[in-house]
């Protein structure tokens, strides 16, 4: 089943896109709809205000976004840790991917697709 699931994850619902102009709560909602997992944004060590856009959050953090202005594409075949690093690198903000209830961190070595299947 593992190989089949990996192949399926490469094609499942295309790509999920994140843009700097979206509000954090919108990105989190769309991420949950796409992958069934919870995406939490942080401003420093605290959970960020969901009404901020990614661009506004970036201006409030001390990190540099290296790909400012670019949208980000995420697939179910990507590892959780890689997605978290990519968002940090692209938008200069820390995120954590959690289970559907938003209480437990997902293993960074799992793919998004595998993580969702483990909670079903």
C-alpha atoms as a PDB file:
ATOM      1  CA  UNK A   1       0.000   0.000   0.000  1.00  0.00           C
ATOM      2  CA  UNK A   2       2.905   2.380   0.742  1.00  0.00           C
ATOM      3  CA  UNK A   3       4.107   2.633  -2.852  1.00  0.00           C
ATOM      4  CA  UNK A   4       0.569   3.035  -4.168  1.00  0.00           C
ATOM      5  CA  UNK A   5      -0.134   5.786  -1.615  1.00  0.00           C
ATOM      6  CA  UNK A   6       3.094   7.591  -2.563  1.00  0.00           C
ATOM      7  CA  UNK A   7       2.137   7.564  -6.231  1.00  0.00           C
ATOM      8  CA  UNK A   8      -1.400   8.670  -5.399  1.00  0.00           C
ATOM      9  CA  UNK A   9      -0.086  11.559  -3.264  1.00  0.00           C
ATOM     10  CA  UNK A  10       1.862  12.914  -6.244  1.00  0.00           C
ATOM     11  CA  UNK A  11      -1.363  13.363  -8.187  1.00  0.00           C
ATOM     12  CA  UNK A  12      -3.950  13.887  -5.454  1.00  0.00           C
ATOM     13  CA  UNK A  13      -5.775  17.197  -5.855  1.00  0.00           C
ATOM     14  CA  UNK A  14      -2.843  18.809  -7.623  1.00  0.00           C
ATOM     15  CA  UNK A  15      -1.017  21.352  -5.534  1.00  0.00           C
ATOM     16  CA  UNK A  16      -1.992  23.522  -2.600  1.00  0.00           C
ATOM     17  CA  UNK A  17      -0.982  27.146  -3.078  1.00  0.00           C
ATOM     18  CA  UNK A  18      -0.055  29.775  -0.494  1.00  0.00           C
ATOM     19  CA  UNK A  19       0.277  33.456  -1.383  1.00  0.00           C
ATOM     20  CA  UNK A  20       1.501  36.395   0.705  1.00  0.00           C
ATOM     21  CA  UNK A  21      -1.789  38.281   0.401  1.00  0.00           C
ATOM     22  CA  UNK A  22      -3.924  35.604   2.082  1.00  0.00           C
ATOM     23  CA  UNK A  23      -4.957  35.851   5.707  1.00  0.00           C
ATOM     24  CA  UNK A  24      -3.438  33.233   7.996  1.00  0.00           C
ATOM     25  CA  UNK A  25      -6.844  31.867   8.977  1.00  0.00           C
ATOM     26  CA  UNK A  26      -7.728  31.442   5.286  1.00  0.00           C
ATOM     27  CA  UNK A  27      -4.483  29.609   4.544  1.00  0.00           C
ATOM     28  CA  UNK A  28      -5.016  27.353   7.580  1.00  0.00           C
ATOM     29  CA  UNK A  29      -8.613  26.599   6.557  1.00  0.00           C
ATOM     30  CA  UNK A  30      -7.645  25.797   2.962  1.00  0.00           C
ATOM     31  CA  UNK A  31      -4.714  23.662   4.171  1.00  0.00           C
ATOM     32  CA  UNK A  32      -7.087  21.645   6.369  1.00  0.00           C
ATOM     33  CA  UNK A  33      -9.496  21.204   3.444  1.00  0.00           C
ATOM     34  CA  UNK A  34      -6.650  20.028   1.185  1.00  0.00           C
ATOM     35  CA  UNK A  35      -4.731  17.791   3.601  1.00  0.00           C
ATOM     36  CA  UNK A  36      -6.991  17.255   6.630  1.00  0.00           C
ATOM     37  CA  UNK A  37      -4.240  18.548   8.942  1.00  0.00           C
ATOM     38  CA  UNK A  38      -3.918  21.711  11.009  1.00  0.00           C
ATOM     39  CA  UNK A  39      -1.431  24.417   9.953  1.00  0.00           C
ATOM     40  CA  UNK A  40      -0.481  26.776  12.797  1.00  0.00           C
ATOM     41  CA  UNK A  41       1.400  30.051  12.196  1.00  0.00           C
ATOM     42  CA  UNK A  42       3.631  31.586  14.842  1.00  0.00           C
ATOM     43  CA  UNK A  43       4.834  35.109  15.520  1.00  0.00           C
ATOM     44  CA  UNK A  44       7.896  34.434  17.605  1.00  0.00           C
ATOM     45  CA  UNK A  45       6.877  31.765  20.101  1.00  0.00           C
ATOM     46  CA  UNK A  46       3.195  32.702  20.158  1.00  0.00           C
ATOM     47  CA  UNK A  47       0.448  31.689  17.775  1.00  0.00           C
ATOM     48  CA  UNK A  48      -0.051  34.476  15.251  1.00  0.00           C
ATOM     49  CA  UNK A  49      -3.294  36.430  14.840  1.00  0.00           C
ATOM     50  CA  UNK A  50      -5.326  34.712  12.108  1.00  0.00           C
ATOM     51  CA  UNK A  51      -6.473  38.049  10.691  1.00  0.00           C
ATOM     52  CA  UNK A  52      -2.929  38.955   9.613  1.00  0.00           C
ATOM     53  CA  UNK A  53      -1.837  38.267   6.057  1.00  0.00           C
ATOM     54  CA  UNK A  54       1.412  36.442   5.446  1.00  0.00           C
ATOM     55  CA  UNK A  55       2.903  39.695   4.184  1.00  0.00           C
ATOM     56  CA  UNK A  56       1.873  41.532   7.368  1.00  0.00           C
ATOM     57  CA  UNK A  57       3.207  38.736   9.566  1.00  0.00           C
ATOM     58  CA  UNK A  58       6.483  38.762   7.642  1.00  0.00           C
ATOM     59  CA  UNK A  59       6.869  42.498   8.321  1.00  0.00           C
ATOM     60  CA  UNK A  60       6.426  41.815  12.060  1.00  0.00           C
ATOM     61  CA  UNK A  61       9.075  39.085  12.299  1.00  0.00           C
ATOM     62  CA  UNK A  62      12.844  39.419  12.342  1.00  0.00           C
ATOM     63  CA  UNK A  63      13.375  36.624   9.814  1.00  0.00           C
ATOM     64  CA  UNK A  64      14.174  37.380   6.195  1.00  0.00           C
ATOM     65  CA  UNK A  65      11.910  35.897   3.549  1.00  0.00           C
ATOM     66  CA  UNK A  66      14.175  34.881   0.703  1.00  0.00           C
ATOM     67  CA  UNK A  67      11.495  34.439  -1.936  1.00  0.00           C
ATOM     68  CA  UNK A  68       9.320  37.429  -1.134  1.00  0.00           C
ATOM     69  CA  UNK A  69       6.434  37.864  -3.508  1.00  0.00           C
ATOM     70  CA  UNK A  70       6.348  34.272  -4.717  1.00  0.00           C
ATOM     71  CA  UNK A  71       3.489  31.869  -4.186  1.00  0.00           C
ATOM     72  CA  UNK A  72       4.291  28.504  -2.680  1.00  0.00           C
ATOM     73  CA  UNK A  73       3.008  25.152  -3.977  1.00  0.00           C
ATOM     74  CA  UNK A  74       2.634  22.172  -1.633  1.00  0.00           C
ATOM     75  CA  UNK A  75       1.833  18.553  -2.540  1.00  0.00           C
ATOM     76  CA  UNK A  76       0.617  15.633  -0.417  1.00  0.00           C
ATOM     77  CA  UNK A  77       3.839  13.771  -1.303  1.00  0.00           C
ATOM     78  CA  UNK A  78       6.014  16.333   0.548  1.00  0.00           C
ATOM     79  CA  UNK A  79       7.397  15.598   4.019  1.00  0.00           C
ATOM     80  CA  UNK A  80       5.955  17.598   6.910  1.00  0.00           C
ATOM     81  CA  UNK A  81       9.388  18.892   7.984  1.00  0.00           C
ATOM     82  CA  UNK A  82      10.187  19.983   4.429  1.00  0.00           C
ATOM     83  CA  UNK A  83       6.886  21.876   4.164  1.00  0.00           C
ATOM     84  CA  UNK A  84       7.539  23.662   7.469  1.00  0.00           C
ATOM     85  CA  UNK A  85      11.056  24.642   6.340  1.00  0.00           C
ATOM     86  CA  UNK A  86       9.827  25.755   2.923  1.00  0.00           C
ATOM     87  CA  UNK A  87       7.188  28.055   4.436  1.00  0.00           C
ATOM     88  CA  UNK A  88       9.791  29.471   6.826  1.00  0.00           C
ATOM     89  CA  UNK A  89      12.271  29.985   3.974  1.00  0.00           C
ATOM     90  CA  UNK A  90       9.694  31.493   1.607  1.00  0.00           C
ATOM     91  CA  UNK A  91       7.633  33.666   3.959  1.00  0.00           C
ATOM     92  CA  UNK A  92       9.950  34.121   6.955  1.00  0.00           C
ATOM     93  CA  UNK A  93       7.458  32.661   9.421  1.00  0.00           C
ATOM     94  CA  UNK A  94       7.459  29.584  11.609  1.00  0.00           C
ATOM     95  CA  UNK A  95       4.667  27.046  11.209  1.00  0.00           C
ATOM     96  CA  UNK A  96       3.828  23.716  12.763  1.00  0.00           C
ATOM     97  CA  UNK A  97       1.698  21.029  11.173  1.00  0.00           C
ATOM     98  CA  UNK A  98      -0.547  19.257  13.651  1.00  0.00           C
ATOM     99  CA  UNK A  99      -3.135  16.484  13.641  1.00  0.00           C
ATOM    100  CA  UNK A 100      -6.713  17.303  12.559  1.00  0.00           C
ATOM    101  CA  UNK A 101      -7.652  18.360  16.109  1.00  0.00           C
ATOM    102  CA  UNK A 102      -4.664  20.733  16.261  1.00  0.00           C
ATOM    103  CA  UNK A 103      -3.330  19.176  19.464  1.00  0.00           C
ATOM    104  CA  UNK A 104      -0.519  16.814  18.415  1.00  0.00           C
ATOM    105  CA  UNK A 105       2.477  17.656  16.222  1.00  0.00           C
ATOM    106  CA  UNK A 106       2.804  15.511  13.114  1.00  0.00           C
ATOM    107  CA  UNK A 107       6.076  13.611  12.647  1.00  0.00           C
ATOM    108  CA  UNK A 108       8.382  15.671  10.415  1.00  0.00           C
ATOM    109  CA  UNK A 109       9.440  12.554   8.486  1.00  0.00           C
ATOM    110  CA  UNK A 110       5.864  11.691   7.411  1.00  0.00           C
ATOM    111  CA  UNK A 111       4.479  12.940   4.143  1.00  0.00           C
ATOM    112  CA  UNK A 112       1.330  15.031   4.343  1.00  0.00           C
ATOM    113  CA  UNK A 113      -0.608  12.202   2.697  1.00  0.00           C
ATOM    114  CA  UNK A 114       0.724   9.558   5.109  1.00  0.00           C
ATOM    115  CA  UNK A 115       0.008  11.809   8.085  1.00  0.00           C
ATOM    116  CA  UNK A 116      -3.602  12.288   7.028  1.00  0.00           C
ATOM    117  CA  UNK A 117      -4.082   8.555   6.496  1.00  0.00           C
ATOM    118  CA  UNK A 118      -2.681   7.814   9.968  1.00  0.00           C
ATOM    119  CA  UNK A 119      -5.452   9.910  11.557  1.00  0.00           C
ATOM    120  CA  UNK A 120      -8.340   8.384   9.620  1.00  0.00           C
END
